[in-house]
């Protein structure tokens, strides 16, 4: 904001200065308008900053939800007041470090300042788009995601949804259930109820067949603008380690939504019980034999 006050002071000085004619003032106005449109970091936010409490990581964003992806999609949802927001992982450029962050710092973590679009989708359409998002995930024989082979810019970071999927299932049949973040189930076979979904415009290029006949509206808001305002408002909070928006896509391996450590633990219990039972049925050693 300090830059705006400086500009106002300059205008006052120019107005009171007899050596500067009216033509100079008229020339300055269009220059300021150009700066307002193309340099929002100077004209709108100035030196304003927000605080990032924890590191917002982009780790595994092409195959899994990430801290920055969660916050970025939350920001798009918050800025547009949509029911749901979807952001492509390809927008995530680098980690956003903890501490004070101005507009330039915020913009540097995103690959491009794309506009946020709005689109109405049914439960069935949501499921189909989410199926596209997880279709690139490839699993090993142990049902663990192959990180290198699966990385995809079109993997969607989500806000407003909780999704359960089975990445070992055939492509197109991986989404098991979809619900709102309030826990209300979304009927993925229903075409009557609709949801307002905020997306970034590169998603329409990543999934052209899906959006070919969809009516998409421009919001007039950019993703960088949304993220900066979200951080500035102190809302950039990540989920706890045991909270997930997408269950079944952990890069460290989840089999049908069950952590591999749980699977190992249950297996160990069965082994111990089996050994105990086998010992109990072996007759004791006898020296008479």
Protein backbone atom coordinates (compact mmCIF):
# COMPACT_ATOMS: atom_id res chain seq x y z
CA UNK A 1 0.00 0.00 0.00
CA UNK A 2 2.93 2.37 0.57
CA UNK A 3 3.49 2.58 -3.19
CA UNK A 4 -0.06 3.82 -3.72
CA UNK A 5 0.41 6.59 -1.16
CA UNK A 6 3.67 7.54 -2.88
CA UNK A 7 1.91 7.83 -6.22
CA UNK A 8 -0.82 10.03 -4.68
CA UNK A 9 1.85 12.33 -3.18
CA UNK A 10 3.54 12.64 -6.58
CA UNK A 11 0.23 13.59 -8.19
CA UNK A 12 -0.37 16.27 -5.55
CA UNK A 13 3.11 17.72 -6.10
CA UNK A 14 2.60 17.71 -9.85
CA UNK A 15 -0.72 19.45 -9.50
CA UNK A 16 0.77 22.22 -7.34
CA UNK A 17 3.90 22.63 -9.43
CA UNK A 18 3.49 25.42 -11.99
CA UNK A 19 6.42 24.08 -14.04
CA UNK A 20 4.58 20.85 -14.82
CA UNK A 21 1.68 21.34 -17.19
CA UNK A 22 -1.61 19.47 -17.40
CA UNK A 23 -0.34 17.40 -20.34
CA UNK A 24 2.14 15.62 -18.07
CA UNK A 25 -0.62 14.67 -15.65
CA UNK A 26 -2.78 13.34 -18.48
CA UNK A 27 0.19 11.29 -19.69
CA UNK A 28 0.76 9.80 -16.25
CA UNK A 29 -2.80 8.47 -15.90
CA UNK A 30 -2.61 5.85 -18.69
CA UNK A 31 0.83 4.80 -17.41
CA UNK A 32 -0.64 4.15 -13.98
CA UNK A 33 -3.51 2.21 -15.56
CA UNK A 34 -1.05 -0.02 -17.41
CA UNK A 35 0.86 -0.66 -14.17
CA UNK A 36 -2.39 -1.48 -12.39
CA UNK A 37 -3.29 -4.12 -14.98
CA UNK A 38 0.12 -5.69 -15.63
CA UNK A 39 1.90 -5.15 -12.31
CA UNK A 40 -0.63 -6.00 -9.61
CA UNK A 41 2.15 -6.79 -7.16
CA UNK A 42 3.06 -3.08 -7.20
CA UNK A 43 -0.28 -1.35 -7.59
CA UNK A 44 -2.62 -3.60 -5.61
CA UNK A 45 -0.67 -5.37 -2.89
CA UNK A 46 2.43 -3.21 -2.71
CA UNK A 47 4.64 -4.39 0.14
CA UNK A 48 1.92 -6.42 1.88
CA UNK A 49 2.97 -9.81 3.19
CA UNK A 50 1.40 -12.91 4.64
CA UNK A 51 2.74 -15.49 7.03
CA UNK A 52 3.29 -19.12 6.08
CA UNK A 53 3.35 -21.07 9.33
CA UNK A 54 4.84 -24.30 7.97
CA UNK A 55 6.75 -25.33 4.87
CA UNK A 56 4.32 -26.02 2.02
CA UNK A 57 5.92 -28.85 0.10
CA UNK A 58 5.38 -29.99 -3.49
CA UNK A 59 6.77 -33.46 -2.76
CA UNK A 60 5.24 -36.19 -4.95
CA UNK A 61 2.65 -33.72 -6.26
CA UNK A 62 2.47 -35.50 -9.63
CA UNK A 63 1.20 -38.71 -8.02
CA UNK A 64 -0.23 -37.66 -4.68
CA UNK A 65 -1.75 -34.76 -2.78
CA UNK A 66 0.84 -32.30 -1.49
CA UNK A 67 0.85 -29.53 1.10
CA UNK A 68 1.15 -26.72 -1.45
CA UNK A 69 -1.39 -28.43 -3.71
CA UNK A 70 -3.91 -28.60 -0.88
CA UNK A 71 -3.45 -24.94 0.04
CA UNK A 72 -3.52 -23.81 -3.61
CA UNK A 73 -6.79 -25.63 -4.29
CA UNK A 74 -8.23 -24.33 -1.01
CA UNK A 75 -7.29 -20.80 -2.10
CA UNK A 76 -9.05 -21.22 -5.46
CA UNK A 77 -12.17 -22.53 -3.72
CA UNK A 78 -12.09 -19.70 -1.17
CA UNK A 79 -11.51 -16.97 -3.77
CA UNK A 80 -14.33 -18.07 -6.07
CA UNK A 81 -16.73 -19.38 -3.37
CA UNK A 82 -17.04 -22.61 -5.37
CA UNK A 83 -18.17 -25.94 -3.87
CA UNK A 84 -15.05 -27.74 -5.07
CA UNK A 85 -11.70 -26.74 -6.52
CA UNK A 86 -9.33 -28.73 -8.73
CA UNK A 87 -5.77 -27.61 -9.50
CA UNK A 88 -3.30 -29.45 -11.71
CA UNK A 89 0.00 -30.55 -10.20
CA UNK A 90 1.81 -29.02 -13.14
CA UNK A 91 1.21 -25.57 -11.61
CA UNK A 92 3.34 -26.41 -8.57
CA UNK A 93 6.90 -25.23 -9.23
CA UNK A 94 8.68 -25.32 -5.86
CA UNK A 95 8.13 -25.38 -2.10
CA UNK A 96 6.77 -22.31 -0.32
CA UNK A 97 9.03 -21.74 2.66
CA UNK A 98 7.76 -20.94 6.13
CA UNK A 99 7.89 -17.31 7.21
CA UNK A 100 6.87 -13.97 5.72
CA UNK A 101 5.90 -14.10 2.04
CA UNK A 102 5.09 -11.19 -0.26
CA UNK A 103 3.34 -11.33 -3.63
CA UNK A 104 6.57 -11.94 -5.56
CA UNK A 105 7.49 -14.87 -3.30
CA UNK A 106 4.02 -16.36 -3.72
CA UNK A 107 4.12 -16.01 -7.49
CA UNK A 108 7.52 -17.71 -7.68
CA UNK A 109 6.18 -21.07 -6.43
CA UNK A 110 3.70 -21.37 -9.33
CA UNK A 111 4.69 -22.11 -12.91
CA UNK A 112 2.22 -19.63 -14.43
CA UNK A 113 -0.42 -17.20 -13.18
CA UNK A 114 -3.40 -18.91 -14.79
CA UNK A 115 -6.95 -17.69 -14.52
CA UNK A 116 -9.44 -19.60 -12.38
CA UNK A 117 -12.42 -20.88 -14.34
CA UNK A 118 -15.82 -22.03 -13.08
CA UNK A 119 -17.68 -25.06 -14.34
CA UNK A 120 -20.82 -26.89 -13.19
CA UNK A 121 -20.39 -30.66 -12.80
CA UNK A 122 -22.59 -33.56 -11.77
CA UNK A 123 -21.48 -36.35 -9.45
CA UNK A 124 -20.90 -38.62 -12.44
CA UNK A 125 -18.81 -35.99 -14.22
CA UNK A 126 -16.71 -35.44 -11.09
CA UNK A 127 -16.00 -39.17 -10.88
CA UNK A 128 -15.05 -39.32 -14.55
CA UNK A 129 -12.61 -36.42 -14.21
CA UNK A 130 -11.08 -37.93 -11.07
CA UNK A 131 -10.71 -41.23 -12.94
CA UNK A 132 -8.71 -39.35 -15.57
CA UNK A 133 -6.53 -37.90 -12.82
CA UNK A 134 -5.57 -41.28 -11.33
CA UNK A 135 -5.45 -43.15 -14.66
CA UNK A 136 -1.72 -42.43 -15.05
CA UNK A 137 -0.79 -44.06 -11.75
CA UNK A 138 1.13 -47.28 -12.27
CA UNK A 139 1.64 -49.84 -9.51
CA UNK A 140 4.25 -52.51 -8.95
CA UNK A 141 3.53 -56.16 -8.15
CA UNK A 142 3.36 -55.15 -4.49
CA UNK A 143 0.62 -52.60 -5.22
CA UNK A 144 3.06 -49.77 -4.55
CA UNK A 145 2.95 -46.77 -6.86
CA UNK A 146 5.87 -46.47 -9.27
CA UNK A 147 6.70 -42.81 -8.62
CA UNK A 148 8.88 -42.21 -11.67
CA UNK A 149 6.54 -43.87 -14.17
CA UNK A 150 3.38 -42.33 -12.68
CA UNK A 151 4.33 -38.64 -12.37
CA UNK A 152 1.81 -36.56 -14.34
CA UNK A 153 1.15 -32.80 -14.50
CA UNK A 154 -2.55 -33.52 -14.77
CA UNK A 155 -2.81 -35.22 -11.38
CA UNK A 156 -5.44 -33.12 -9.60
CA UNK A 157 -4.95 -31.45 -6.24
CA UNK A 158 -8.42 -31.22 -4.68
CA UNK A 159 -10.37 -29.06 -2.24
CA UNK A 160 -13.88 -29.71 -0.97
CA UNK A 161 -13.71 -33.46 -1.65
CA UNK A 162 -12.69 -36.71 0.01
CA UNK A 163 -11.91 -39.47 -2.47
CA UNK A 164 -11.25 -43.18 -1.94
CA UNK A 165 -9.67 -45.12 -4.78
CA UNK A 166 -8.00 -48.42 -5.56
CA UNK A 167 -4.98 -47.78 -7.76
CA UNK A 168 -4.56 -51.49 -8.44
CA UNK A 169 -7.95 -51.60 -10.20
CA UNK A 170 -8.21 -51.26 -14.00
CA UNK A 171 -8.09 -47.75 -15.44
CA UNK A 172 -11.55 -46.18 -15.35
CA UNK A 173 -12.64 -48.27 -12.36
CA UNK A 174 -10.34 -46.89 -9.66
CA UNK A 175 -12.60 -44.37 -7.90
CA UNK A 176 -14.47 -46.19 -5.14
CA UNK A 177 -16.27 -43.30 -3.47
CA UNK A 178 -16.47 -39.52 -3.52
CA UNK A 179 -17.81 -37.31 -0.73
CA UNK A 180 -17.75 -33.67 0.25
CA UNK A 181 -15.32 -32.51 2.91
CA UNK A 182 -18.31 -32.42 5.27
CA UNK A 183 -18.67 -36.18 4.84
CA UNK A 184 -21.79 -36.12 2.64
CA UNK A 185 -21.60 -38.86 0.00
CA UNK A 186 -21.75 -37.76 -3.64
CA UNK A 187 -23.77 -40.05 -5.87
CA UNK A 188 -21.37 -40.66 -8.75
CA UNK A 189 -24.13 -42.20 -10.87
CA UNK A 190 -26.39 -39.15 -10.48
CA UNK A 191 -26.79 -36.45 -13.12
CA UNK A 192 -29.34 -34.29 -11.31
CA UNK A 193 -27.33 -32.66 -8.52
CA UNK A 194 -24.61 -30.29 -9.69
CA UNK A 195 -21.60 -28.72 -8.01
CA UNK A 196 -19.80 -25.49 -8.86
CA UNK A 197 -16.18 -26.43 -9.49
CA UNK A 198 -13.26 -24.02 -9.70
CA UNK A 199 -10.49 -25.15 -12.04
CA UNK A 200 -7.36 -23.56 -13.43
CA UNK A 201 -7.47 -23.00 -17.17
CA UNK A 202 -4.64 -25.41 -18.07
CA UNK A 203 -6.88 -28.29 -16.92
CA UNK A 204 -9.07 -27.76 -19.98
CA UNK A 205 -5.96 -28.33 -22.12
CA UNK A 206 -4.91 -31.41 -20.15
CA UNK A 207 -8.37 -32.99 -20.51
CA UNK A 208 -9.76 -31.59 -23.80
CA UNK A 209 -12.19 -34.46 -24.40
CA UNK A 210 -13.81 -33.97 -21.00
CA UNK A 211 -14.30 -30.20 -21.43
CA UNK A 212 -15.14 -30.28 -25.14
CA UNK A 213 -18.87 -29.73 -24.57
CA UNK A 214 -18.72 -28.15 -21.12
CA UNK A 215 -19.74 -24.55 -20.45
CA UNK A 216 -16.81 -22.91 -18.70
CA UNK A 217 -17.02 -19.39 -17.26
CA UNK A 218 -14.15 -17.03 -16.50
CA UNK A 219 -13.90 -15.84 -12.91
CA UNK A 220 -11.65 -12.85 -13.62
CA UNK A 221 -9.38 -14.04 -10.80
CA UNK A 222 -5.93 -15.59 -11.08
CA UNK A 223 -4.46 -18.44 -9.07
CA UNK A 224 -1.55 -16.31 -7.80
CA UNK A 225 -3.94 -13.62 -6.62
CA UNK A 226 -6.02 -16.29 -4.85
CA UNK A 227 -3.01 -17.87 -3.14
CA UNK A 228 -1.59 -14.54 -1.98
CA UNK A 229 -4.87 -13.39 -0.46
CA UNK A 230 -5.31 -16.79 1.18
CA UNK A 231 -1.85 -16.64 2.75
CA UNK A 232 -2.32 -12.99 3.72
CA UNK A 233 -5.55 -13.93 5.52
CA UNK A 234 -3.66 -16.55 7.55
CA UNK A 235 -5.58 -19.49 6.09
CA UNK A 236 -2.64 -21.44 4.63
CA UNK A 237 -2.88 -24.38 7.04
CA UNK A 238 -1.97 -27.94 6.00
CA UNK A 239 -3.71 -31.12 7.07
CA UNK A 240 -2.38 -33.33 9.84
CA UNK A 241 -0.20 -36.26 8.77
CA UNK A 242 -3.06 -38.74 9.34
CA UNK A 243 -5.63 -36.75 7.35
CA UNK A 244 -6.01 -37.37 3.65
CA UNK A 245 -8.28 -36.03 0.93
CA UNK A 246 -7.37 -38.90 -1.37
CA UNK A 247 -7.07 -42.31 0.23
CA UNK A 248 -5.44 -45.05 -1.79
CA UNK A 249 -2.80 -43.05 -3.63
CA UNK A 250 -0.02 -42.86 -1.06
CA UNK A 251 3.25 -43.19 -2.94
CA UNK A 252 4.61 -45.42 -0.18
CA UNK A 253 1.93 -47.94 -0.98
CA UNK A 254 -1.64 -48.49 0.13
CA UNK A 255 -3.55 -51.62 -0.78
CA UNK A 256 -7.27 -50.90 -1.10
CA UNK A 257 -6.94 -47.97 1.26
CA UNK A 258 -5.10 -49.96 3.96
CA UNK A 259 -1.67 -48.85 5.12
CA UNK A 260 1.02 -51.46 4.34
CA UNK A 261 2.16 -51.32 7.98
CA UNK A 262 -1.30 -52.43 9.09
CA UNK A 263 -1.13 -55.22 6.54
CA UNK A 264 2.30 -56.30 7.83
CA UNK A 265 1.08 -56.15 11.43
CA UNK A 266 -1.96 -58.32 10.77
CA UNK A 267 0.21 -60.80 8.86
CA UNK A 268 2.65 -60.99 11.79
CA UNK A 269 -0.19 -61.73 14.21
CA UNK A 270 -1.39 -64.61 12.04
CA UNK A 271 2.15 -66.02 11.86
CA UNK A 272 2.60 -65.88 15.65
CA UNK A 273 -0.80 -67.50 16.28
CA UNK A 274 -0.04 -70.18 13.71
CA UNK A 275 3.33 -71.03 15.30
CA UNK A 276 1.74 -71.20 18.73
CA UNK A 277 -0.97 -73.56 17.55
CA UNK A 278 1.52 -75.77 15.71
CA UNK A 279 3.61 -76.16 18.84
CA UNK A 280 0.58 -77.05 20.94
CA UNK A 281 -0.31 -80.03 18.74
CA UNK A 282 3.23 -81.53 18.62
CA UNK A 283 3.44 -84.34 21.18
CA UNK A 284 6.02 -83.83 23.93
CA UNK A 285 9.35 -85.64 23.66
CA UNK A 286 9.41 -89.01 25.42
CA UNK A 287 12.60 -90.96 26.36
CA UNK A 288 10.64 -94.24 26.18
CA UNK A 289 10.52 -94.14 22.39
